[in-house]
Structures are given as structure tokens and as C-alpha cells.
Protein backbone atom coordinates (compact mmCIF):
# COMPACT_ATOMS: atom_id res chain seq x y z
CA MET A 1 80.56 93.50 112.38
CA LYS A 2 79.94 95.36 115.62
CA ASN A 3 81.46 98.56 114.19
CA LEU A 4 79.07 98.60 111.23
CA THR A 5 75.92 100.75 110.99
CA ILE A 6 73.74 100.24 107.91
CA VAL A 7 71.76 103.40 107.23
CA THR A 8 68.64 102.31 105.40
CA ASN A 9 65.05 103.28 104.63
CA PRO A 10 62.79 102.98 101.57
CA LEU A 11 64.13 106.19 100.01
CA ILE A 12 67.74 105.04 100.35
CA ASN A 13 66.83 101.63 98.92
CA ARG A 14 65.24 103.36 95.94
CA ASP A 15 68.32 105.51 95.37
CA ILE A 16 70.70 102.56 95.72
CA THR A 17 68.67 100.93 92.95
CA TYR A 18 69.21 104.01 90.77
CA LEU A 19 72.95 103.75 91.43
CA ARG A 20 73.05 100.06 90.57
CA ASN A 21 71.15 100.38 87.30
CA LYS A 22 73.62 100.52 84.40
CA GLU A 23 71.10 102.61 82.42
CA THR A 24 71.08 105.44 84.98
CA LYS A 25 72.39 108.65 83.43
CA GLU A 26 75.22 110.61 85.03
CA TYR A 27 73.03 113.43 86.33
CA GLN A 28 70.58 110.91 87.83
CA PHE A 29 73.47 109.00 89.40
CA ARG A 30 74.82 112.18 90.99
CA LEU A 31 71.44 113.20 92.39
CA ALA A 32 70.79 109.77 93.92
CA LEU A 33 74.29 109.70 95.40
CA ARG A 34 73.79 113.17 96.82
CA ARG A 35 70.54 112.20 98.55
CA ILE A 36 72.10 109.13 100.14
CA ALA A 37 75.05 111.23 101.33
CA TYR A 38 72.63 113.57 103.14
CA ALA A 39 71.18 110.57 104.97
CA LEU A 40 74.65 109.34 105.93
CA ALA A 41 75.62 112.78 107.23
CA ILE A 42 72.49 112.96 109.38
CA GLU A 43 73.02 109.48 110.82
CA ILE A 44 76.70 110.06 111.58
CA SER A 45 75.89 113.40 113.23
CA LYS A 46 73.82 111.63 115.89
CA GLU A 47 77.12 110.78 117.59
CA PHE A 48 78.48 114.35 117.53
CA GLU A 49 79.19 115.96 120.88
CA GLU A 50 77.35 119.21 121.64
CA ILE A 51 77.95 122.29 123.72
CA GLU A 52 75.04 124.16 125.27
CA PHE A 53 74.70 127.92 125.54
CA ASP A 54 72.04 130.60 126.01
CA VAL A 55 70.42 132.10 122.95
CA GLU A 56 67.93 134.95 122.87
CA THR A 57 64.81 134.44 120.78
CA PRO A 58 62.48 137.39 120.01
CA LEU A 59 60.53 136.33 123.11
CA GLU A 60 62.91 134.93 125.73
CA ILE A 61 66.22 133.30 126.58
CA THR A 62 66.43 129.58 125.81
CA LYS A 63 69.04 126.89 125.39
CA GLY A 64 70.96 126.65 122.13
CA TYR A 65 73.44 124.08 120.87
CA ASN A 66 76.54 123.91 118.73
CA LEU A 67 79.09 121.27 117.85
CA ALA A 68 81.71 120.65 120.50
CA LYS A 69 84.43 119.51 118.10
CA PRO A 70 85.60 120.77 114.72
CA ILE A 71 84.58 118.44 111.89
CA VAL A 72 87.08 117.50 109.19
CA LEU A 73 85.92 115.73 106.03
CA VAL A 74 88.55 113.73 104.19
CA PRO A 75 87.42 112.38 100.82
CA VAL A 76 89.58 109.66 99.33
CA LEU A 77 90.37 110.93 95.84
CA ARG A 78 88.74 110.77 93.44
CA ALA A 79 85.39 109.11 94.12
CA GLY A 80 85.17 110.47 97.66
CA LEU A 81 84.73 113.98 96.26
CA SER A 82 81.21 112.99 95.21
CA LEU A 83 80.12 112.89 98.87
CA VAL A 84 81.65 116.17 100.01
CA ASN A 85 78.97 118.65 98.95
CA SER A 86 76.16 116.90 100.81
CA PHE A 87 78.22 116.67 103.99
CA ILE A 88 79.27 120.33 103.68
CA GLU A 89 75.65 121.41 103.27
CA MET A 90 74.73 119.54 106.44
CA ILE A 91 77.88 120.64 108.32
CA PRO A 92 78.76 124.10 106.94
CA SER A 93 81.54 124.64 109.48
CA ALA A 94 83.40 121.50 108.38
CA LYS A 95 86.87 121.75 106.90
CA VAL A 96 87.98 119.51 104.06
CA GLY A 97 91.22 117.61 103.63
CA HIS A 98 92.16 115.27 100.79
CA ILE A 99 93.95 111.95 100.51
CA GLY A 100 94.97 110.57 97.14
CA LEU A 101 95.12 106.78 97.08
CA GLN A 102 95.00 104.60 94.01
CA ARG A 103 94.74 100.84 93.87
CA ASP A 104 97.46 98.78 92.24
CA GLU A 105 95.35 96.64 89.92
CA THR A 106 97.75 93.71 90.27
CA THR A 107 98.24 93.59 94.04
CA LEU A 108 95.00 95.45 94.91
CA LYS A 109 97.01 97.38 97.52
CA PRO A 110 96.71 101.18 97.86
CA ILE A 111 99.40 103.58 96.70
CA ASP A 112 99.31 107.12 98.11
CA TYR A 113 100.10 110.09 95.88
CA TYR A 114 98.60 113.15 97.62
CA TYR A 115 97.78 114.42 101.10
CA LYS A 116 96.53 117.77 102.37
CA ALA A 117 94.48 118.28 105.53
CA PRO A 118 93.67 121.01 108.05
CA LYS A 119 95.74 121.37 111.19
CA ASN A 120 94.67 120.23 114.63
CA LEU A 121 93.32 116.83 113.63
CA GLU A 122 93.85 115.72 117.22
CA ILE A 123 90.95 117.89 118.44
CA SER A 124 88.64 117.15 115.50
CA LYS A 125 86.19 114.47 114.47
CA VAL A 126 87.53 113.18 111.16
CA ILE A 127 85.12 111.63 108.65
CA VAL A 128 86.69 109.72 105.77
CA LEU A 129 84.47 109.69 102.68
CA ASP A 130 84.71 106.92 100.10
CA PRO A 131 81.63 105.63 98.24
CA MET A 132 82.89 102.06 97.92
CA LEU A 133 84.38 100.13 100.84
CA ALA A 134 85.67 97.21 98.78
CA THR A 135 88.89 95.49 99.87
CA GLY A 136 89.27 98.01 102.69
CA GLY A 137 92.91 98.58 101.78
CA SER A 138 92.57 102.22 100.75
CA SER A 139 90.35 103.12 103.68
CA SER A 140 92.64 101.40 106.16
CA ALA A 141 95.66 103.18 104.68
CA ALA A 142 93.81 106.51 104.89
CA PHE A 143 93.06 106.04 108.59
CA THR A 144 96.62 104.94 109.32
CA PHE A 145 97.89 108.08 107.57
CA LEU A 146 95.45 110.34 109.44
CA LYS A 147 96.21 108.79 112.82
CA ASN A 148 99.91 109.34 112.20
CA LYS A 149 99.01 113.01 111.68
CA GLY A 150 97.22 113.14 115.05
CA ALA A 151 93.63 112.10 114.31
CA ASN A 152 92.11 110.06 117.14
CA ASP A 153 88.34 110.38 116.63
CA CYS A 154 87.57 108.94 113.20
CA VAL A 155 84.53 107.71 111.26
CA MET A 156 84.13 105.94 107.90
CA ALA A 157 81.29 106.87 105.52
CA SER A 158 80.52 104.82 102.40
CA LEU A 159 77.60 104.14 100.09
CA ILE A 160 78.19 100.43 99.59
CA ALA A 161 80.45 98.07 101.53
CA ALA A 162 81.68 94.53 100.99
CA PRO A 163 82.07 92.14 103.95
CA GLU A 164 85.77 91.82 103.13
CA GLY A 165 86.26 95.58 103.40
CA VAL A 166 84.35 95.83 106.66
CA LYS A 167 86.42 92.97 108.09
CA LYS A 168 89.72 94.52 106.98
CA LEU A 169 88.91 97.97 108.35
CA THR A 170 87.57 96.58 111.62
CA GLU A 171 90.67 94.46 112.16
CA ASP A 172 93.06 97.30 111.33
CA HIS A 173 91.11 100.07 113.08
CA PRO A 174 88.69 98.63 115.64
CA ASP A 175 88.07 102.13 117.04
CA VAL A 176 86.58 103.44 113.76
CA PRO A 177 82.78 103.23 113.33
CA ILE A 178 81.71 102.36 109.78
CA TYR A 179 78.53 103.80 108.25
CA THR A 180 77.19 102.54 104.93
CA ALA A 181 73.89 102.53 103.05
CA MET A 182 74.23 98.92 101.88
CA LEU A 183 76.25 95.82 102.72
CA ASP A 184 76.71 93.85 99.51
CA ARG A 185 77.51 90.17 98.99
CA GLU A 186 81.20 89.87 98.15
CA LEU A 187 84.16 90.97 96.03
CA ASN A 188 85.00 89.48 92.65
CA LYS A 189 88.54 88.43 91.69
CA SER A 190 89.28 91.98 90.53
CA GLY A 191 88.30 93.46 93.88
CA PHE A 192 84.99 94.97 92.71
CA ILE A 193 81.91 94.77 94.91
CA LEU A 194 79.11 92.41 93.81
CA PRO A 195 76.40 93.19 92.94
CA GLY A 196 77.78 96.72 93.41
CA LEU A 197 77.31 99.58 91.00
CA GLY A 198 80.50 99.59 88.96
CA ASP A 199 83.14 102.26 89.44
CA ALA A 200 81.57 105.08 91.48
CA GLY A 201 84.15 107.63 90.37
CA ASP A 202 83.76 106.87 86.67
CA ARG A 203 79.97 106.90 86.89
CA THR A 204 79.92 110.17 88.85
CA PHE A 205 82.39 112.06 86.68
CA GLY A 206 81.54 110.50 83.31
CA THR A 207 84.93 108.92 82.68
CA LEU A 208 83.71 105.49 81.66
């Protein structure tokens, strides 16, 4: 799992516990998810390229920095939307695309139903947002779709990943770094992560 970075600290571990707990209320779930997403955004940004320029403070000229590449966030609908606000707050200049993928509950394979993204993906760093990296099918399909549209500098951000999903994404897209807050044990027969936290989209949006 050389492509995998697990972003962890005591505060993230605490918030993952909130997410796992079936008694956690929707507003508490959203707040914990939001805090973890901030941490993911900060960790991923360590790899951003910078440009240097002169900036004038009230006292003198010094060096300033900005991002060298445009950043494009692509949440996988619907659960990926829950990560967008935190990333946008950390990267206000980022643009946002959307990919709609749903899992066939029989085959567990992704079916695409919507796509809209900014232009010029080929000059951008593209971050795919999906809270649960389970089978890896949807994420892999998303990256294949984006690469066909010109994306060549891509990153995966998730809250919780299963070994099966990491393996699938690494095999299909070995050039894509994967960032997650927790690597869980395995998938069950229905393709849900164990111990996991249930359905992230349902728990975020109250559609249980």
C-alpha cells in the first residue's frame, strides 16, 4: 500500500469514533466529518506546488507564496458532497466538479449518471472526494472518467478505506496517491466497510 497515507492524530481518532457510533446525531456526525475533512485538506496540501513572488508588508518587501496549479475538487455524488465545504474553506480558489456514480447492489459495480467539471483539467490538481473507499469500483471509475477528460495529476481523499478498495484503486491507478483517516479491516458480503460507520451519505443527510 505504498500509495496510501493514513492521516491520524488523537483528535481524528476521537472524531472517527463519533462517526462510528450509531447513537451519534446527524448534526454531531456532520461536525465530526467536517473536522476530519479539514485535516485531510491540510495533509494533502503539503504536496501542492508553490510559486514565489514579492509581497510588500507595512514594513518591507518579503517573499510571498501562492499555489502553482489550479485545484479542482470532484466529489462523488452524493456522499462526497459532505467533504466539499471543508476543502473549499481551506482552498478558497478551488473549483468544484461533480461525478454521479451509484453502485449496482447486485454486481457492486459503479454506474455513472452525471458528470460536470471545470475546463482545463490537464493543468489542474484534481482531488476526488468520497468518504468511503470500499470496493474501490466507484473511485476507480471516477479517475478513469477524469483522466479521459484530461486530468493527469490526481489525488483521492476519503474518511475510511477498506484494504480491498485501496488495492483496487492502486492496481487501476498506480499514479494516484490515496489519503484516508482510517484503514478498516475488510468488506462484508454486501460491500460495506467493517467496522465502518454505515452509509456516510445517509448519516450525513438524514436519509436513513
